[in-house]
Amino acid sequence: MFDDPASINDPSLRVMHQRLFQRFDQLQTELLIESAYFIPLDGGVAKIKELVGRGVRVRILTNSLASMTSLPPSPGTRARASV
């Protein structure tokens, strides 16, 4: 599942979060996410909090900032690093 690369310049093409959220709404017990560049925006953070509030176990496997040998690749990554 992915967004069209053109969505960088056209946010109306960003549909991946809608598809994911539809699936998240069906979860009953657990959500496992593996992503090297997991950078949730406010809506994603709210959805994860909602899942946890419903008793869904949420685990996210991503790369550690400590494992990077240079600055994170984008300002968004740096901004979310402190979350």
PDB file of N, CA and C in Angstrom:
ATOM      1  N   MET A   1       0.851  -1.154   0.000  1.00  0.00           N
ATOM      2  CA  MET A   1       0.000   0.000   0.000  1.00  0.00           C
ATOM      3  C   MET A   1       0.906   1.229   0.000  1.00  0.00           C
ATOM      4  N   PHE A   2       0.596   2.181  -0.848  1.00  0.00           N
ATOM      5  CA  PHE A   2       1.434   3.374  -0.949  1.00  0.00           C
ATOM      6  C   PHE A   2       0.639   4.509  -1.568  1.00  0.00           C
ATOM      7  N   ASP A   3       1.134   5.719  -1.344  1.00  0.00           N
ATOM      8  CA  ASP A   3       0.576   6.889  -2.013  1.00  0.00           C
ATOM      9  C   ASP A   3       1.313   7.103  -3.328  1.00  0.00           C
ATOM     10  N   ASP A   4       0.635   7.715  -4.273  1.00  0.00           N
ATOM     11  CA  ASP A   4       1.247   8.110  -5.531  1.00  0.00           C
ATOM     12  C   ASP A   4       2.388   9.077  -5.216  1.00  0.00           C
ATOM     13  N   PRO A   5       3.582   8.852  -5.764  1.00  0.00           N
ATOM     14  CA  PRO A   5       4.682   9.783  -5.505  1.00  0.00           C
ATOM     15  C   PRO A   5       4.346  11.239  -5.830  1.00  0.00           C
ATOM     16  N   ALA A   6       3.418  11.456  -6.747  1.00  0.00           N
ATOM     17  CA  ALA A   6       3.012  12.828  -7.084  1.00  0.00           C
ATOM     18  C   ALA A   6       2.295  13.509  -5.919  1.00  0.00           C
ATOM     19  N   SER A   7       1.919  12.735  -4.890  1.00  0.00           N
ATOM     20  CA  SER A   7       1.227  13.327  -3.740  1.00  0.00           C
ATOM     21  C   SER A   7       2.118  14.268  -2.951  1.00  0.00           C
ATOM     22  N   ILE A   8       3.431  14.222  -3.204  1.00  0.00           N
ATOM     23  CA  ILE A   8       4.339  15.174  -2.561  1.00  0.00           C
ATOM     24  C   ILE A   8       3.912  16.592  -2.910  1.00  0.00           C
ATOM     25  N   ASN A   9       3.494  16.803  -4.153  1.00  0.00           N
ATOM     26  CA  ASN A   9       3.082  18.128  -4.612  1.00  0.00           C
ATOM     27  C   ASN A   9       1.567  18.318  -4.630  1.00  0.00           C
ATOM     28  N   ASP A  10       0.815  17.222  -4.509  1.00  0.00           N
ATOM     29  CA  ASP A  10      -0.643  17.299  -4.572  1.00  0.00           C
ATOM     30  C   ASP A  10      -1.250  16.468  -3.441  1.00  0.00           C
ATOM     31  N   PRO A  11      -1.504  17.079  -2.289  1.00  0.00           N
ATOM     32  CA  PRO A  11      -2.030  16.335  -1.147  1.00  0.00           C
ATOM     33  C   PRO A  11      -3.345  15.608  -1.413  1.00  0.00           C
ATOM     34  N   SER A  12      -4.099  16.024  -2.424  1.00  0.00           N
ATOM     35  CA  SER A  12      -5.365  15.338  -2.723  1.00  0.00           C
ATOM     36  C   SER A  12      -5.134  13.904  -3.197  1.00  0.00           C
ATOM     37  N   LEU A  13      -3.904  13.593  -3.587  1.00  0.00           N
ATOM     38  CA  LEU A  13      -3.571  12.234  -4.030  1.00  0.00           C
ATOM     39  C   LEU A  13      -3.184  11.313  -2.872  1.00  0.00           C
ATOM     40  N   ARG A  14      -3.133  11.844  -1.674  1.00  0.00           N
ATOM     41  CA  ARG A  14      -2.759  11.054  -0.498  1.00  0.00           C
ATOM     42  C   ARG A  14      -3.962  10.270   0.016  1.00  0.00           C
ATOM     43  N   VAL A  15      -3.986   8.999  -0.295  1.00  0.00           N
ATOM     44  CA  VAL A  15      -5.122   8.162   0.095  1.00  0.00           C
ATOM     45  C   VAL A  15      -4.718   6.998   1.005  1.00  0.00           C
ATOM     46  N   MET A  16      -3.424   6.767   1.167  1.00  0.00           N
ATOM     47  CA  MET A  16      -2.980   5.625   1.946  1.00  0.00           C
ATOM     48  C   MET A  16      -3.517   5.664   3.374  1.00  0.00           C
ATOM     49  N   HIS A  17      -3.492   6.824   4.008  1.00  0.00           N
ATOM     50  CA  HIS A  17      -3.967   6.891   5.394  1.00  0.00           C
ATOM     51  C   HIS A  17      -5.442   6.528   5.497  1.00  0.00           C
ATOM     52  N   GLN A  18      -6.239   6.879   4.476  1.00  0.00           N
ATOM     53  CA  GLN A  18      -7.655   6.520   4.502  1.00  0.00           C
ATOM     54  C   GLN A  18      -7.831   5.000   4.461  1.00  0.00           C
ATOM     55  N   ARG A  19      -7.075   4.345   3.596  1.00  0.00           N
ATOM     56  CA  ARG A  19      -7.146   2.882   3.496  1.00  0.00           C
ATOM     57  C   ARG A  19      -6.670   2.217   4.778  1.00  0.00           C
ATOM     58  N   LEU A  20      -5.576   2.732   5.335  1.00  0.00           N
ATOM     59  CA  LEU A  20      -5.069   2.168   6.588  1.00  0.00           C
ATOM     60  C   LEU A  20      -6.062   2.365   7.726  1.00  0.00           C
ATOM     61  N   PHE A  21      -6.618   3.548   7.849  1.00  0.00           N
ATOM     62  CA  PHE A  21      -7.557   3.826   8.935  1.00  0.00           C
ATOM     63  C   PHE A  21      -8.790   2.928   8.832  1.00  0.00           C
ATOM     64  N   GLN A  22      -9.252   2.648   7.616  1.00  0.00           N
ATOM     65  CA  GLN A  22     -10.387   1.721   7.454  1.00  0.00           C
ATOM     66  C   GLN A  22     -10.038   0.349   8.013  1.00  0.00           C
ATOM     67  N   ARG A  23      -8.837  -0.104   7.748  1.00  0.00           N
ATOM     68  CA  ARG A  23      -8.397  -1.395   8.279  1.00  0.00           C
ATOM     69  C   ARG A  23      -8.195  -1.321   9.790  1.00  0.00           C
ATOM     70  N   PHE A  24      -7.632  -0.229  10.270  1.00  0.00           N
ATOM     71  CA  PHE A  24      -7.414  -0.068  11.705  1.00  0.00           C
ATOM     72  C   PHE A  24      -8.732  -0.147  12.465  1.00  0.00           C
ATOM     73  N   ASP A  25      -9.786   0.410  11.892  1.00  0.00           N
ATOM     74  CA  ASP A  25     -11.088   0.410  12.564  1.00  0.00           C
ATOM     75  C   ASP A  25     -11.628  -1.002  12.775  1.00  0.00           C
ATOM     76  N   GLN A  26     -11.134  -1.965  12.018  1.00  0.00           N
ATOM     77  CA  GLN A  26     -11.587  -3.355  12.143  1.00  0.00           C
ATOM     78  C   GLN A  26     -10.755  -4.165  13.138  1.00  0.00           C
ATOM     79  N   LEU A  27      -9.640  -3.597  13.595  1.00  0.00           N
ATOM     80  CA  LEU A  27      -8.756  -4.333  14.500  1.00  0.00           C
ATOM     81  C   LEU A  27      -9.415  -4.566  15.846  1.00  0.00           C
ATOM     82  N   GLN A  28      -9.130  -5.746  16.391  1.00  0.00           N
ATOM     83  CA  GLN A  28      -9.691  -6.090  17.694  1.00  0.00           C
ATOM     84  C   GLN A  28      -8.625  -6.335  18.753  1.00  0.00           C
ATOM     85  N   THR A  29      -7.454  -6.846  18.347  1.00  0.00           N
ATOM     86  CA  THR A  29      -6.483  -7.230  19.361  1.00  0.00           C
ATOM     87  C   THR A  29      -5.108  -6.593  19.200  1.00  0.00           C
ATOM     88  N   GLU A  30      -4.576  -6.510  17.978  1.00  0.00           N
ATOM     89  CA  GLU A  30      -3.190  -6.088  17.848  1.00  0.00           C
ATOM     90  C   GLU A  30      -2.918  -5.437  16.496  1.00  0.00           C
ATOM     91  N   LEU A  31      -2.030  -4.443  16.532  1.00  0.00           N
ATOM     92  CA  LEU A  31      -1.516  -3.797  15.323  1.00  0.00           C
ATOM     93  C   LEU A  31      -0.001  -3.842  15.385  1.00  0.00           C
ATOM     94  N   LEU A  32       0.618  -4.424  14.362  1.00  0.00           N
ATOM     95  CA  LEU A  32       2.073  -4.452  14.239  1.00  0.00           C
ATOM     96  C   LEU A  32       2.451  -3.655  13.002  1.00  0.00           C
ATOM     97  N   ILE A  33       3.345  -2.698  13.154  1.00  0.00           N
ATOM     98  CA  ILE A  33       3.802  -1.881  12.033  1.00  0.00           C
ATOM     99  C   ILE A  33       5.314  -2.019  11.946  1.00  0.00           C
ATOM    100  N   GLU A  34       5.820  -2.302  10.748  1.00  0.00           N
ATOM    101  CA  GLU A  34       7.253  -2.299  10.499  1.00  0.00           C
ATOM    102  C   GLU A  34       7.511  -1.321   9.365  1.00  0.00           C
ATOM    103  N   SER A  35       8.262  -0.270   9.671  1.00  0.00           N
ATOM    104  CA  SER A  35       8.524   0.761   8.686  1.00  0.00           C
ATOM    105  C   SER A  35       9.819   1.477   9.041  1.00  0.00           C
ATOM    106  N   ALA A  36      10.722   1.558   8.085  1.00  0.00           N
ATOM    107  CA  ALA A  36      11.995   2.233   8.342  1.00  0.00           C
ATOM    108  C   ALA A  36      11.801   3.728   8.586  1.00  0.00           C
ATOM    109  N   TYR A  37      10.807   4.314   7.965  1.00  0.00           N
ATOM    110  CA  TYR A  37      10.571   5.753   8.110  1.00  0.00           C
ATOM    111  C   TYR A  37       9.139   5.991   8.562  1.00  0.00           C
ATOM    112  N   PHE A  38       8.839   5.609   9.780  1.00  0.00           N
ATOM    113  CA  PHE A  38       7.502   5.790  10.337  1.00  0.00           C
ATOM    114  C   PHE A  38       7.421   7.175  10.954  1.00  0.00           C
ATOM    115  N   ILE A  39       6.666   8.056  10.302  1.00  0.00           N
ATOM    116  CA  ILE A  39       6.529   9.439  10.761  1.00  0.00           C
ATOM    117  C   ILE A  39       5.040   9.772  10.797  1.00  0.00           C
ATOM    118  N   PRO A  40       4.356   9.421  11.877  1.00  0.00           N
ATOM    119  CA  PRO A  40       2.921   9.700  11.920  1.00  0.00           C
ATOM    120  C   PRO A  40       2.646  11.191  12.075  1.00  0.00           C
ATOM    121  N   LEU A  41       1.675  11.663  11.342  1.00  0.00           N
ATOM    122  CA  LEU A  41       1.210  13.038  11.512  1.00  0.00           C
ATOM    123  C   LEU A  41       0.188  13.053  12.642  1.00  0.00           C
ATOM    124  N   ASP A  42      -0.360  14.200  12.951  1.00  0.00           N
ATOM    125  CA  ASP A  42      -1.278  14.320  14.085  1.00  0.00           C
ATOM    126  C   ASP A  42      -2.451  13.352  13.993  1.00  0.00           C
ATOM    127  N   GLY A  43      -3.018  13.193  12.781  1.00  0.00           N
ATOM    128  CA  GLY A  43      -4.143  12.274  12.611  1.00  0.00           C
ATOM    129  C   GLY A  43      -3.751  10.833  12.884  1.00  0.00           C
ATOM    130  N   GLY A  44      -2.537  10.463  12.490  1.00  0.00           N
ATOM    131  CA  GLY A  44      -2.052   9.104  12.748  1.00  0.00           C
ATOM    132  C   GLY A  44      -1.818   8.855  14.221  1.00  0.00           C
ATOM    133  N   VAL A  45      -1.261   9.845  14.904  1.00  0.00           N
ATOM    134  CA  VAL A  45      -1.058   9.725  16.351  1.00  0.00           C
ATOM    135  C   VAL A  45      -2.408   9.589  17.048  1.00  0.00           C
ATOM    136  N   ALA A  46      -3.387  10.374  16.629  1.00  0.00           N
ATOM    137  CA  ALA A  46      -4.722  10.298  17.226  1.00  0.00           C
ATOM    138  C   ALA A  46      -5.350   8.920  16.984  1.00  0.00           C
ATOM    139  N   LYS A  47      -5.170   8.375  15.786  1.00  0.00           N
ATOM    140  CA  LYS A  47      -5.738   7.055  15.470  1.00  0.00           C
ATOM    141  C   LYS A  47      -5.091   5.980  16.331  1.00  0.00           C
ATOM    142  N   ILE A  48      -3.774   6.055  16.512  1.00  0.00           N
ATOM    143  CA  ILE A  48      -3.086   5.073  17.349  1.00  0.00           C
ATOM    144  C   ILE A  48      -3.575   5.180  18.793  1.00  0.00           C
ATOM    145  N   LYS A  49      -3.741   6.403  19.291  1.00  0.00           N
ATOM    146  CA  LYS A  49      -4.264   6.581  20.643  1.00  0.00           C
ATOM    147  C   LYS A  49      -5.670   6.008  20.766  1.00  0.00           C
ATOM    148  N   GLU A  50      -6.472   6.181  19.724  1.00  0.00           N
ATOM    149  CA  GLU A  50      -7.824   5.621  19.715  1.00  0.00           C
ATOM    150  C   GLU A  50      -7.774   4.102  19.815  1.00  0.00           C
ATOM    151  N   LEU A  51      -6.877   3.484  19.035  1.00  0.00           N
ATOM    152  CA  LEU A  51      -6.744   2.023  19.082  1.00  0.00           C
ATOM    153  C   LEU A  51      -6.345   1.555  20.477  1.00  0.00           C
ATOM    154  N   VAL A  52      -5.360   2.213  21.053  1.00  0.00           N
ATOM    155  CA  VAL A  52      -4.913   1.841  22.399  1.00  0.00           C
ATOM    156  C   VAL A  52      -6.064   2.005  23.391  1.00  0.00           C
ATOM    157  N   GLY A  53      -6.827   3.061  23.233  1.00  0.00           N
ATOM    158  CA  GLY A  53      -7.978   3.289  24.096  1.00  0.00           C
ATOM    159  C   GLY A  53      -9.031   2.197  23.984  1.00  0.00           C
ATOM    160  N   ARG A  54      -9.110   1.564  22.826  1.00  0.00           N
ATOM    161  CA  ARG A  54     -10.047   0.451  22.616  1.00  0.00           C
ATOM    162  C   ARG A  54      -9.469  -0.876  23.077  1.00  0.00           C
ATOM    163  N   GLY A  55      -8.220  -0.855  23.564  1.00  0.00           N
ATOM    164  CA  GLY A  55      -7.610  -2.087  24.043  1.00  0.00           C
ATOM    165  C   GLY A  55      -6.795  -2.837  23.010  1.00  0.00           C
ATOM    166  N   VAL A  56      -6.554  -2.218  21.847  1.00  0.00           N
ATOM    167  CA  VAL A  56      -5.732  -2.841  20.805  1.00  0.00           C
ATOM    168  C   VAL A  56      -4.262  -2.637  21.182  1.00  0.00           C
ATOM    169  N   ARG A  57      -3.496  -3.721  21.170  1.00  0.00           N
ATOM    170  CA  ARG A  57      -2.056  -3.627  21.446  1.00  0.00           C
ATOM    171  C   ARG A  57      -1.370  -3.102  20.181  1.00  0.00           C
ATOM    172  N   VAL A  58      -0.630  -2.017  20.308  1.00  0.00           N
ATOM    173  CA  VAL A  58       0.058  -1.402  19.168  1.00  0.00           C
ATOM    174  C   VAL A  58       1.564  -1.506  19.383  1.00  0.00           C
ATOM    175  N   ARG A  59       2.252  -2.110  18.393  1.00  0.00           N
ATOM    176  CA  ARG A  59       3.713  -2.185  18.433  1.00  0.00           C
ATOM    177  C   ARG A  59       4.241  -1.694  17.095  1.00  0.00           C
ATOM    178  N   ILE A  60       5.286  -0.885  17.158  1.00  0.00           N
ATOM    179  CA  ILE A  60       5.866  -0.290  15.948  1.00  0.00           C
ATOM    180  C   ILE A  60       7.362  -0.567  15.951  1.00  0.00           C
ATOM    181  N   LEU A  61       7.829  -1.225  14.900  1.00  0.00           N
ATOM    182  CA  LEU A  61       9.247  -1.500  14.723  1.00  0.00           C
ATOM    183  C   LEU A  61       9.774  -0.568  13.650  1.00  0.00           C
ATOM    184  N   THR A  62      10.736   0.255  14.022  1.00  0.00           N
ATOM    185  CA  THR A  62      11.315   1.205  13.089  1.00  0.00           C
ATOM    186  C   THR A  62      12.799   1.329  13.383  1.00  0.00           C
ATOM    187  N   ASN A  63      13.512   2.016  12.523  1.00  0.00           N
ATOM    188  CA  ASN A  63      14.932   2.203  12.787  1.00  0.00           C
ATOM    189  C   ASN A  63      15.115   3.197  13.930  1.00  0.00           C
ATOM    190  N   SER A  64      16.181   3.048  14.663  1.00  0.00           N
ATOM    191  CA  SER A  64      16.480   3.912  15.784  1.00  0.00           C
ATOM    192  C   SER A  64      17.275   5.126  15.310  1.00  0.00           C
ATOM    193  N   LEU A  65      16.949   6.274  15.858  1.00  0.00           N
ATOM    194  CA  LEU A  65      17.758   7.456  15.540  1.00  0.00           C
ATOM    195  C   LEU A  65      19.205   7.228  15.951  1.00  0.00           C
ATOM    196  N   ALA A  66      19.419   6.413  16.979  1.00  0.00           N
ATOM    197  CA  ALA A  66      20.780   6.131  17.430  1.00  0.00           C
ATOM    198  C   ALA A  66      21.564   5.323  16.397  1.00  0.00           C
ATOM    199  N   SER A  67      20.848   4.626  15.498  1.00  0.00           N
ATOM    200  CA  SER A  67      21.540   3.811  14.497  1.00  0.00           C
ATOM    201  C   SER A  67      21.939   4.610  13.260  1.00  0.00           C
ATOM    202  N   MET A  68      21.494   5.850  13.164  1.00  0.00           N
ATOM    203  CA  MET A  68      21.797   6.668  11.990  1.00  0.00           C
ATOM    204  C   MET A  68      23.198   7.260  12.102  1.00  0.00           C
ATOM    205  N   THR A  69      23.882   7.319  10.982  1.00  0.00           N
ATOM    206  CA  THR A  69      25.225   7.895  10.959  1.00  0.00           C
ATOM    207  C   THR A  69      25.224   9.341  10.482  1.00  0.00           C
ATOM    208  N   SER A  70      24.040   9.850  10.147  1.00  0.00           N
ATOM    209  CA  SER A  70      23.921  11.239   9.710  1.00  0.00           C
ATOM    210  C   SER A  70      22.598  11.789  10.202  1.00  0.00           C
ATOM    211  N   LEU A  71      22.309  13.035   9.862  1.00  0.00           N
ATOM    212  CA  LEU A  71      21.037  13.633  10.236  1.00  0.00           C
ATOM    213  C   LEU A  71      19.878  12.871   9.604  1.00  0.00           C
ATOM    214  N   PRO A  72      18.705  12.844  10.250  1.00  0.00           N
ATOM    215  CA  PRO A  72      17.532  12.237   9.622  1.00  0.00           C
ATOM    216  C   PRO A  72      17.288  12.857   8.257  1.00  0.00           C
ATOM    217  N   PRO A  73      16.699  12.092   7.322  1.00  0.00           N
ATOM    218  CA  PRO A  73      16.589  12.535   5.935  1.00  0.00           C
ATOM    219  C   PRO A  73      15.646  13.691   5.668  1.00  0.00           C
ATOM    220  N   SER A  74      14.772  14.023   6.609  1.00  0.00           N
ATOM    221  CA  SER A  74      13.849  15.112   6.330  1.00  0.00           C
ATOM    222  C   SER A  74      13.553  15.896   7.597  1.00  0.00           C
ATOM    223  N   PRO A  75      13.135  17.135   7.443  1.00  0.00           N
ATOM    224  CA  PRO A  75      12.763  17.926   8.623  1.00  0.00           C
ATOM    225  C   PRO A  75      11.624  17.279   9.393  1.00  0.00           C
ATOM    226  N   GLY A  76      10.706  16.577   8.692  1.00  0.00           N
ATOM    227  CA  GLY A  76       9.602  15.897   9.366  1.00  0.00           C
ATOM    228  C   GLY A  76      10.106  14.833  10.319  1.00  0.00           C
ATOM    229  N   THR A  77      11.139  14.121   9.926  1.00  0.00           N
ATOM    230  CA  THR A  77      11.720  13.096  10.778  1.00  0.00           C
ATOM    231  C   THR A  77      12.335  13.748  12.008  1.00  0.00           C
ATOM    232  N   ARG A  78      13.053  14.828  11.813  1.00  0.00           N
ATOM    233  CA  ARG A  78      13.678  15.516  12.942  1.00  0.00           C
ATOM    234  C   ARG A  78      12.613  16.059  13.903  1.00  0.00           C
ATOM    235  N   ALA A  79      11.528  16.590  13.362  1.00  0.00           N
ATOM    236  CA  ALA A  79      10.479  17.157  14.207  1.00  0.00           C
ATOM    237  C   ALA A  79       9.809  16.071  15.038  1.00  0.00           C
ATOM    238  N   ARG A  80       9.597  14.896  14.459  1.00  0.00           N
ATOM    239  CA  ARG A  80       8.923  13.807  15.169  1.00  0.00           C
ATOM    240  C   ARG A  80       9.869  13.016  16.062  1.00  0.00           C
ATOM    241  N   ALA A  81      11.160  13.223  15.923  1.00  0.00           N
ATOM    242  CA  ALA A  81      12.135  12.466  16.716  1.00  0.00           C
ATOM    243  C   ALA A  81      11.958  12.728  18.204  1.00  0.00           C
ATOM    244  N   SER A  82      11.434  13.879  18.549  1.00  0.00           N
ATOM    245  CA  SER A  82      11.290  14.206  19.956  1.00  0.00           C
ATOM    246  C   SER A  82       9.971  13.726  20.554  1.00  0.00           C
ATOM    247  N   VAL A  83       9.098  13.121  19.748  1.00  0.00           N
ATOM    248  CA  VAL A  83       7.784  12.667  20.232  1.00  0.00           C
ATOM    249  C   VAL A  83       7.950  11.443  21.092  1.00  0.00           C
TER     250      VAL A  83
END
